[in-house]
């Protein structure tokens, strides 16, 4: 019996030793592979918030509820030559777009701005299963915490913003709240627009990204971007290329919220879904057939979003098709505005095509949809502040 007991004790000792060895080896491996460890990220968050954390799971439990959509949101500052613009990649990576990034940096420098490109945006090859989103989350938080950076531009859309949001916690959002600045992007970035708006109470911009600036965008979008980062208030640019029309009659006011339809539908039922209470919902989409648009609009109706907002402003819905016997997309959009009983307009120059204006989200607007078929979108407040005025206000 004694021999058996000794054998058991030796076995337990060796098993325990191996477990400790494996744990230490794993820790060393995680700190040597060039990526930031969880402890390093927690240290960064603690440094900028003054709070402690026990890890990512605790972060998720501590996330704050959405801010009221009716309250005035924080605004970034307008830019002037010499200011610094940061580029991050919260969605898809640089795959095949390295030349666009190089050209975007050159373009911004030619305008007189300095540029900082986040580590995760320089060489991130698109693989949404590789766990890269922790780096993306830290890049975003660091860019907001860096007071040298006046505005943040996303590399591109594609896919991944929701994955990255899973790596963010209350500490990240607290840092962002303390450092409001212009945050610019569209498409997949819609998930971030809605979270930064409702959780950080921040005005953000639906506008051209680095890939657009570096050669993938239209002249109109570039001009809108160039002017947009230097002014405080905007209006719908006048052009014969588009006309804002009435979809369902009425008038409504509220904070402009929304973005890409697919992303808003995808976040329904998640911690990142758009509440949109008393807002004006702007929607745009590309390459989605009629039945898919109907399904997503049904989701927003069943989820309650279309009932919670005060009105709807439709942007571009390009490259969609409807099979024989199916209603066209225009009829589907009108149907859901009528079903929700909301005034709605169509023709806002915002979307994935050549007409993509510098559109502020989180500012108070008014939509008017006339019985004569005409419509309008009026911006009632600034989306940015001039640094000189901000300094005077603080003093």
Protein backbone atom coordinates (compact mmCIF):
# COMPACT_ATOMS: atom_id res chain seq x y z
CA UNK A 1 0.00 0.00 0.00
CA UNK A 2 2.85 2.35 0.85
CA UNK A 3 4.40 1.77 -2.59
CA UNK A 4 1.09 2.57 -4.26
CA UNK A 5 0.74 5.77 -2.20
CA UNK A 6 4.27 6.87 -3.15
CA UNK A 7 3.57 6.23 -6.83
CA UNK A 8 0.37 8.29 -6.61
CA UNK A 9 2.20 11.18 -4.90
CA UNK A 10 4.94 11.19 -7.53
CA UNK A 11 2.34 11.17 -10.30
CA UNK A 12 0.46 14.11 -8.72
CA UNK A 13 3.71 16.06 -8.32
CA UNK A 14 4.75 15.50 -11.94
CA UNK A 15 1.29 16.41 -13.24
CA UNK A 16 1.24 19.64 -11.23
CA UNK A 17 4.74 20.57 -12.37
CA UNK A 18 3.79 20.04 -16.03
CA UNK A 19 0.69 22.26 -15.63
CA UNK A 20 2.73 25.07 -14.14
CA UNK A 21 5.33 24.70 -16.90
CA UNK A 22 2.67 24.87 -19.59
CA UNK A 23 1.13 27.98 -18.05
CA UNK A 24 4.48 29.78 -17.86
CA UNK A 25 5.37 28.73 -21.39
CA UNK A 26 2.07 29.99 -22.71
CA UNK A 27 2.54 33.31 -20.95
CA UNK A 28 6.05 33.70 -22.36
CA UNK A 29 4.86 32.75 -25.83
CA UNK A 30 2.07 35.35 -25.77
CA UNK A 31 4.46 38.13 -24.81
CA UNK A 32 7.09 37.21 -27.40
CA UNK A 33 4.95 36.91 -30.56
CA UNK A 34 4.85 40.64 -31.22
CA UNK A 35 1.21 41.06 -30.15
CA UNK A 36 0.04 42.94 -27.10
CA UNK A 37 -0.92 40.74 -24.15
CA UNK A 38 -4.18 41.17 -22.23
CA UNK A 39 -2.20 42.48 -19.25
CA UNK A 40 -0.55 45.11 -21.44
CA UNK A 41 -3.90 46.28 -22.76
CA UNK A 42 -5.39 46.39 -19.27
CA UNK A 43 -2.41 48.48 -18.13
CA UNK A 44 -2.97 50.92 -20.99
CA UNK A 45 -6.67 51.23 -20.17
CA UNK A 46 -5.94 51.74 -16.47
CA UNK A 47 -3.38 54.43 -17.25
CA UNK A 48 -5.90 56.48 -19.23
CA UNK A 49 -9.01 55.93 -17.09
CA UNK A 50 -7.71 55.63 -13.55
CA UNK A 51 -9.80 52.49 -13.10
CA UNK A 52 -8.82 48.90 -12.56
CA UNK A 53 -10.14 45.85 -14.35
CA UNK A 54 -10.04 42.11 -13.90
CA UNK A 55 -10.14 41.34 -17.59
CA UNK A 56 -12.23 41.48 -20.73
CA UNK A 57 -15.20 39.56 -19.27
CA UNK A 58 -15.51 42.10 -16.49
CA UNK A 59 -15.35 44.88 -19.11
CA UNK A 60 -18.40 43.47 -20.87
CA UNK A 61 -20.40 43.35 -17.64
CA UNK A 62 -19.52 46.97 -16.92
CA UNK A 63 -20.60 48.38 -20.28
CA UNK A 64 -22.81 51.43 -19.93
CA UNK A 65 -26.34 51.70 -21.28
CA UNK A 66 -26.97 53.80 -24.37
CA UNK A 67 -27.08 57.56 -23.90
CA UNK A 68 -30.28 59.40 -24.74
CA UNK A 69 -30.44 60.10 -28.46
CA UNK A 70 -31.99 63.50 -27.73
CA UNK A 71 -29.12 65.00 -25.75
CA UNK A 72 -26.42 67.14 -27.36
CA UNK A 73 -23.41 65.04 -28.19
CA UNK A 74 -19.69 65.75 -27.86
CA UNK A 75 -17.94 67.11 -30.92
CA UNK A 76 -14.45 66.95 -32.30
CA UNK A 77 -12.50 69.98 -33.50
CA UNK A 78 -12.07 71.28 -37.01
CA UNK A 79 -8.71 70.65 -38.63
CA UNK A 80 -6.12 73.02 -40.05
CA UNK A 81 -2.90 72.29 -41.97
CA UNK A 82 -0.31 70.94 -39.59
CA UNK A 83 -2.82 68.89 -37.60
CA UNK A 84 -2.44 65.13 -37.42
CA UNK A 85 -4.83 62.54 -38.89
CA UNK A 86 -4.79 58.95 -37.66
CA UNK A 87 -5.66 55.93 -39.81
CA UNK A 88 -7.04 52.75 -38.20
CA UNK A 89 -8.39 49.43 -39.52
CA UNK A 90 -11.35 48.36 -37.36
CA UNK A 91 -12.85 46.31 -40.21
CA UNK A 92 -11.15 44.52 -43.13
CA UNK A 93 -7.39 44.59 -43.52
CA UNK A 94 -5.10 45.99 -46.16
CA UNK A 95 -5.39 43.01 -48.56
CA UNK A 96 -4.69 44.31 -52.05
CA UNK A 97 -5.12 47.91 -50.92
CA UNK A 98 -1.57 48.76 -49.89
CA UNK A 99 -1.22 51.15 -52.82
CA UNK A 100 -4.41 52.95 -51.82
CA UNK A 101 -3.10 53.43 -48.28
CA UNK A 102 0.18 54.82 -49.60
CA UNK A 103 -1.68 57.22 -51.88
CA UNK A 104 -4.05 58.25 -49.07
CA UNK A 105 -1.13 59.17 -46.81
CA UNK A 106 0.48 61.14 -49.65
CA UNK A 107 -2.82 62.91 -50.43
CA UNK A 108 -3.33 63.97 -46.81
CA UNK A 109 0.27 65.16 -46.50
CA UNK A 110 -0.09 67.16 -49.72
CA UNK A 111 -3.06 68.90 -48.08
CA UNK A 112 -0.72 69.90 -45.27
CA UNK A 113 -1.63 67.35 -42.60
CA UNK A 114 0.58 65.01 -40.66
CA UNK A 115 -0.44 61.34 -40.67
CA UNK A 116 -0.10 58.47 -38.20
CA UNK A 117 -0.99 54.97 -39.38
CA UNK A 118 -1.92 52.48 -36.64
CA UNK A 119 0.17 49.32 -36.44
CA UNK A 120 -2.87 47.18 -37.18
CA UNK A 121 -3.57 49.08 -40.39
CA UNK A 122 -0.11 48.70 -41.90
CA UNK A 123 0.09 44.98 -42.49
CA UNK A 124 -3.20 43.46 -41.40
CA UNK A 125 -4.05 40.74 -43.93
CA UNK A 126 -7.77 40.03 -43.93
CA UNK A 127 -8.50 36.89 -41.89
CA UNK A 128 -11.34 37.38 -39.47
CA UNK A 129 -10.50 34.20 -37.58
CA UNK A 130 -6.95 35.17 -36.65
CA UNK A 131 -7.78 37.07 -33.46
CA UNK A 132 -6.43 40.33 -34.86
CA UNK A 133 -9.34 42.35 -33.48
CA UNK A 134 -7.71 42.81 -30.08
CA UNK A 135 -4.96 44.79 -31.82
CA UNK A 136 -7.59 46.75 -33.77
CA UNK A 137 -9.42 47.64 -30.56
CA UNK A 138 -6.24 48.86 -28.90
CA UNK A 139 -5.30 50.86 -32.01
CA UNK A 140 -8.63 52.65 -31.91
CA UNK A 141 -8.43 53.43 -28.20
CA UNK A 142 -4.84 54.64 -28.52
CA UNK A 143 -5.75 56.91 -31.42
CA UNK A 144 -8.48 58.55 -29.35
CA UNK A 145 -6.17 58.83 -26.32
CA UNK A 146 -3.43 60.48 -28.39
CA UNK A 147 -4.07 64.23 -28.09
CA UNK A 148 -1.74 64.88 -31.02
CA UNK A 149 -4.32 63.28 -33.33
CA UNK A 150 -7.14 65.61 -34.38
CA UNK A 151 -9.21 63.19 -36.50
CA UNK A 152 -9.41 59.44 -37.12
CA UNK A 153 -10.06 57.97 -40.57
CA UNK A 154 -10.85 54.27 -41.08
CA UNK A 155 -8.81 52.33 -43.63
CA UNK A 156 -11.81 50.63 -45.26
CA UNK A 157 -15.08 48.84 -44.57
CA UNK A 158 -15.71 45.25 -45.54
CA UNK A 159 -16.16 43.15 -42.42
CA UNK A 160 -15.01 43.03 -38.81
CA UNK A 161 -16.25 46.02 -36.81
CA UNK A 162 -18.62 43.88 -34.71
CA UNK A 163 -15.79 41.43 -33.98
CA UNK A 164 -13.60 44.31 -32.85
CA UNK A 165 -16.34 45.68 -30.58
CA UNK A 166 -16.29 42.38 -28.69
CA UNK A 167 -12.72 43.24 -27.69
CA UNK A 168 -13.68 46.63 -26.24
CA UNK A 169 -14.87 47.31 -22.71
CA UNK A 170 -16.01 50.17 -20.50
CA UNK A 171 -12.44 51.41 -20.05
CA UNK A 172 -12.06 51.87 -23.81
CA UNK A 173 -15.30 53.81 -24.08
CA UNK A 174 -14.34 55.96 -21.06
CA UNK A 175 -11.09 56.90 -22.84
CA UNK A 176 -12.98 57.78 -26.03
CA UNK A 177 -15.44 59.93 -24.06
CA UNK A 178 -12.58 61.94 -22.62
CA UNK A 179 -11.02 62.60 -26.05
CA UNK A 180 -13.75 63.52 -28.54
CA UNK A 181 -12.52 64.00 -32.10
CA UNK A 182 -13.72 63.53 -35.67
CA UNK A 183 -14.16 59.83 -36.47
CA UNK A 184 -14.78 59.09 -40.16
CA UNK A 185 -15.88 56.01 -42.09
CA UNK A 186 -18.88 54.21 -43.55
CA UNK A 187 -20.28 50.80 -44.56
CA UNK A 188 -19.10 48.21 -41.99
CA UNK A 189 -18.00 51.12 -39.78
CA UNK A 190 -21.71 51.76 -39.12
CA UNK A 191 -21.46 49.45 -36.10
CA UNK A 192 -18.86 51.80 -34.61
CA UNK A 193 -20.83 54.93 -35.48
CA UNK A 194 -23.80 53.66 -33.51
CA UNK A 195 -21.81 52.46 -30.51
CA UNK A 196 -19.62 55.58 -30.27
CA UNK A 197 -22.73 57.71 -30.66
CA UNK A 198 -24.95 56.04 -28.09
CA UNK A 199 -22.32 54.76 -25.65
CA UNK A 200 -19.75 57.58 -25.87
CA UNK A 201 -22.20 60.37 -26.76
CA UNK A 202 -20.00 61.32 -29.71
CA UNK A 203 -20.79 62.95 -33.06
CA UNK A 204 -19.21 60.86 -35.84
CA UNK A 205 -18.93 61.23 -39.61
CA UNK A 206 -20.27 58.96 -42.34
CA UNK A 207 -17.69 59.78 -45.01
CA UNK A 208 -14.75 58.79 -47.21
CA UNK A 209 -12.17 56.35 -45.84
CA UNK A 210 -8.47 55.93 -46.59
CA UNK A 211 -9.14 53.57 -49.50
CA UNK A 212 -11.54 56.15 -50.96
CA UNK A 213 -9.05 58.97 -50.43
CA UNK A 214 -6.23 56.92 -51.95
CA UNK A 215 -7.94 56.32 -55.28
CA UNK A 216 -11.10 54.32 -54.73
CA UNK A 217 -13.45 57.26 -54.27
CA UNK A 218 -15.12 59.87 -56.46
CA UNK A 219 -14.08 63.49 -56.84
CA UNK A 220 -17.29 64.49 -55.07
CA UNK A 221 -16.44 62.36 -52.01
CA UNK A 222 -12.88 63.71 -51.87
CA UNK A 223 -14.07 67.29 -52.11
CA UNK A 224 -16.64 66.66 -49.38
CA UNK A 225 -13.94 65.14 -47.15
CA UNK A 226 -11.47 67.95 -47.74
CA UNK A 227 -14.04 70.63 -46.91
CA UNK A 228 -15.73 68.63 -44.17
CA UNK A 229 -12.75 68.28 -41.86
CA UNK A 230 -12.25 72.07 -41.90
CA UNK A 231 -15.80 73.31 -41.28
CA UNK A 232 -18.23 73.10 -38.38
CA UNK A 233 -21.61 72.76 -40.12
CA UNK A 234 -22.84 71.18 -43.33
CA UNK A 235 -25.74 71.14 -45.72
CA UNK A 236 -26.83 68.90 -48.58
CA UNK A 237 -24.69 69.93 -51.58
CA UNK A 238 -26.77 71.26 -54.45
CA UNK A 239 -26.47 69.27 -57.65
CA UNK A 240 -28.49 68.15 -60.63
CA UNK A 241 -27.18 64.63 -60.01
CA UNK A 242 -29.67 64.04 -57.21
CA UNK A 243 -32.96 65.33 -55.91
CA UNK A 244 -34.43 64.83 -52.47
CA UNK A 245 -38.02 63.69 -52.74
CA UNK A 246 -40.88 62.86 -50.41
CA UNK A 247 -41.60 59.21 -49.65
CA UNK A 248 -44.26 59.62 -46.95
CA UNK A 249 -45.67 63.00 -46.02
CA UNK A 250 -44.75 64.92 -42.83
CA UNK A 251 -42.02 66.67 -40.85
CA UNK A 252 -39.80 65.44 -38.05
CA UNK A 253 -36.77 66.48 -35.98
CA UNK A 254 -34.18 64.49 -34.07
CA UNK A 255 -30.55 63.44 -34.00
CA UNK A 256 -29.40 61.88 -37.27
CA UNK A 257 -28.47 58.23 -36.66
CA UNK A 258 -27.93 55.08 -38.71
CA UNK A 259 -25.86 54.25 -41.79
CA UNK A 260 -25.60 50.96 -43.63
CA UNK A 261 -28.79 48.87 -43.52
CA UNK A 262 -27.01 45.49 -43.40
CA UNK A 263 -24.93 46.50 -40.39
CA UNK A 264 -27.87 47.97 -38.49
CA UNK A 265 -29.84 44.77 -39.08
CA UNK A 266 -26.85 42.60 -38.11
CA UNK A 267 -26.52 44.32 -34.73
CA UNK A 268 -30.18 43.82 -33.79
CA UNK A 269 -30.36 41.77 -30.59
CA UNK A 270 -26.67 42.37 -29.75
CA UNK A 271 -25.14 44.78 -27.19
CA UNK A 272 -24.33 47.05 -30.15
CA UNK A 273 -27.80 47.47 -31.63
CA UNK A 274 -29.00 50.97 -32.48
CA UNK A 275 -31.62 52.26 -30.06
CA UNK A 276 -32.32 55.41 -32.07
CA UNK A 277 -35.01 56.79 -29.77
CA UNK A 278 -36.56 59.93 -31.29
CA UNK A 279 -33.87 60.11 -33.98
CA UNK A 280 -33.94 60.55 -37.73
CA UNK A 281 -32.79 57.26 -39.24
CA UNK A 282 -30.59 57.47 -42.34
CA UNK A 283 -30.23 54.24 -44.33
CA UNK A 284 -28.12 53.28 -47.37
CA UNK A 285 -27.24 50.00 -49.02
CA UNK A 286 -25.45 48.45 -52.00
CA UNK A 287 -25.53 45.15 -53.89
CA UNK A 288 -28.56 43.82 -52.01
CA UNK A 289 -31.52 42.41 -53.92
CA UNK A 290 -35.08 43.45 -53.21
CA UNK A 291 -36.05 40.45 -51.09
CA UNK A 292 -32.98 40.92 -48.90
CA UNK A 293 -33.75 44.63 -48.42
CA UNK A 294 -37.29 43.63 -47.47
CA UNK A 295 -36.01 41.10 -44.94
CA UNK A 296 -33.69 43.62 -43.29
CA UNK A 297 -36.33 46.34 -43.21
CA UNK A 298 -38.73 43.82 -41.66
CA UNK A 299 -36.11 43.12 -39.02
CA UNK A 300 -35.85 46.83 -38.16
CA UNK A 301 -39.63 47.04 -37.99
CA UNK A 302 -40.06 43.91 -35.85
CA UNK A 303 -37.14 44.96 -33.64
CA UNK A 304 -38.93 48.28 -32.98
CA UNK A 305 -36.33 50.64 -34.44
CA UNK A 306 -38.62 51.99 -37.17
CA UNK A 307 -41.22 52.72 -34.50
CA UNK A 308 -38.75 54.40 -32.11
CA UNK A 309 -37.36 56.93 -34.59
CA UNK A 310 -39.18 60.13 -35.58
CA UNK A 311 -38.47 59.90 -39.31
CA UNK A 312 -36.45 58.20 -42.05
CA UNK A 313 -33.98 59.59 -44.62
CA UNK A 314 -33.02 57.13 -47.37
CA UNK A 315 -29.68 57.44 -49.15
CA UNK A 316 -28.48 55.39 -52.12
CA UNK A 317 -29.65 51.81 -52.66
CA UNK A 318 -27.54 50.96 -55.69
CA UNK A 319 -26.85 47.75 -57.62
CA UNK A 320 -29.85 45.93 -56.16
CA UNK A 321 -32.29 44.00 -58.34
CA UNK A 322 -35.72 42.45 -58.06
CA UNK A 323 -36.79 39.22 -59.71
CA UNK A 324 -39.91 39.18 -61.91
CA UNK A 325 -42.99 39.54 -59.75
CA UNK A 326 -41.09 41.07 -56.84
CA UNK A 327 -41.64 44.72 -55.86
CA UNK A 328 -38.78 47.14 -56.62
CA UNK A 329 -36.65 48.39 -53.76
CA UNK A 330 -38.26 51.86 -53.94
CA UNK A 331 -41.67 50.35 -53.13
CA UNK A 332 -40.23 48.31 -50.27
CA UNK A 333 -38.69 51.39 -48.64
CA UNK A 334 -41.95 53.30 -48.99
CA UNK A 335 -43.96 50.39 -47.59
CA UNK A 336 -41.96 50.25 -44.35
CA UNK A 337 -42.08 54.01 -43.84
CA UNK A 338 -45.86 53.82 -44.18
CA UNK A 339 -46.09 50.74 -41.98
CA UNK A 340 -44.14 52.54 -39.23
CA UNK A 341 -46.19 55.70 -39.77
CA UNK A 342 -43.10 57.89 -40.13
CA UNK A 343 -42.37 60.80 -42.48
CA UNK A 344 -39.64 59.80 -44.91
CA UNK A 345 -37.53 61.33 -47.67
CA UNK A 346 -35.28 59.82 -50.29
CA UNK A 347 -32.28 60.95 -52.34
CA UNK A 348 -29.72 61.87 -49.67
CA UNK A 349 -26.32 61.74 -51.47
CA UNK A 350 -24.82 59.16 -49.15
CA UNK A 351 -23.86 55.55 -49.84
CA UNK A 352 -21.34 53.27 -51.52
CA UNK A 353 -21.37 54.96 -54.92
CA UNK A 354 -19.98 58.21 -56.23
CA UNK A 355 -22.44 60.24 -54.17
CA UNK A 356 -21.11 59.93 -50.63
CA UNK A 357 -21.16 63.22 -48.79
CA UNK A 358 -19.48 64.15 -45.50
CA UNK A 359 -22.52 63.32 -43.35
CA UNK A 360 -22.44 64.00 -39.59
CA UNK A 361 -24.25 61.51 -37.38
CA UNK A 362 -25.44 62.57 -33.95
CA UNK A 363 -26.43 66.15 -34.80
CA UNK A 364 -29.96 67.53 -34.73
CA UNK A 365 -31.68 67.66 -38.12
CA UNK A 366 -35.11 68.31 -39.58
CA UNK A 367 -36.67 66.43 -42.46
CA UNK A 368 -39.58 67.74 -44.49
CA UNK A 369 -41.57 65.54 -46.86
CA UNK A 370 -44.10 67.59 -48.83
CA UNK A 371 -47.35 66.47 -50.41
CA UNK A 372 -46.00 67.92 -53.67
CA UNK A 373 -43.29 65.24 -53.70
CA UNK A 374 -40.44 67.50 -52.64
CA UNK A 375 -38.28 66.77 -49.62
CA UNK A 376 -35.45 68.33 -47.62
CA UNK A 377 -32.92 67.58 -44.90
CA UNK A 378 -31.81 70.53 -42.78
CA UNK A 379 -28.90 70.44 -40.31
CA UNK A 380 -29.82 72.43 -37.20
CA UNK A 381 -26.50 72.42 -35.35
CA UNK A 382 -22.74 72.18 -35.81
CA UNK A 383 -20.93 68.83 -35.95
CA UNK A 384 -17.51 70.22 -34.93
CA UNK A 385 -16.06 73.07 -32.91
CA UNK A 386 -13.36 75.55 -33.82
CA UNK A 387 -10.31 75.09 -31.54
CA UNK A 388 -10.11 78.80 -30.75
CA UNK A 389 -13.72 78.91 -29.57
CA UNK A 390 -13.27 75.71 -27.58
CA UNK A 391 -10.25 77.20 -25.76
CA UNK A 392 -12.18 80.38 -24.92
CA UNK A 393 -15.07 78.31 -23.57
CA UNK A 394 -12.76 76.28 -21.32
CA UNK A 395 -11.10 79.43 -19.96
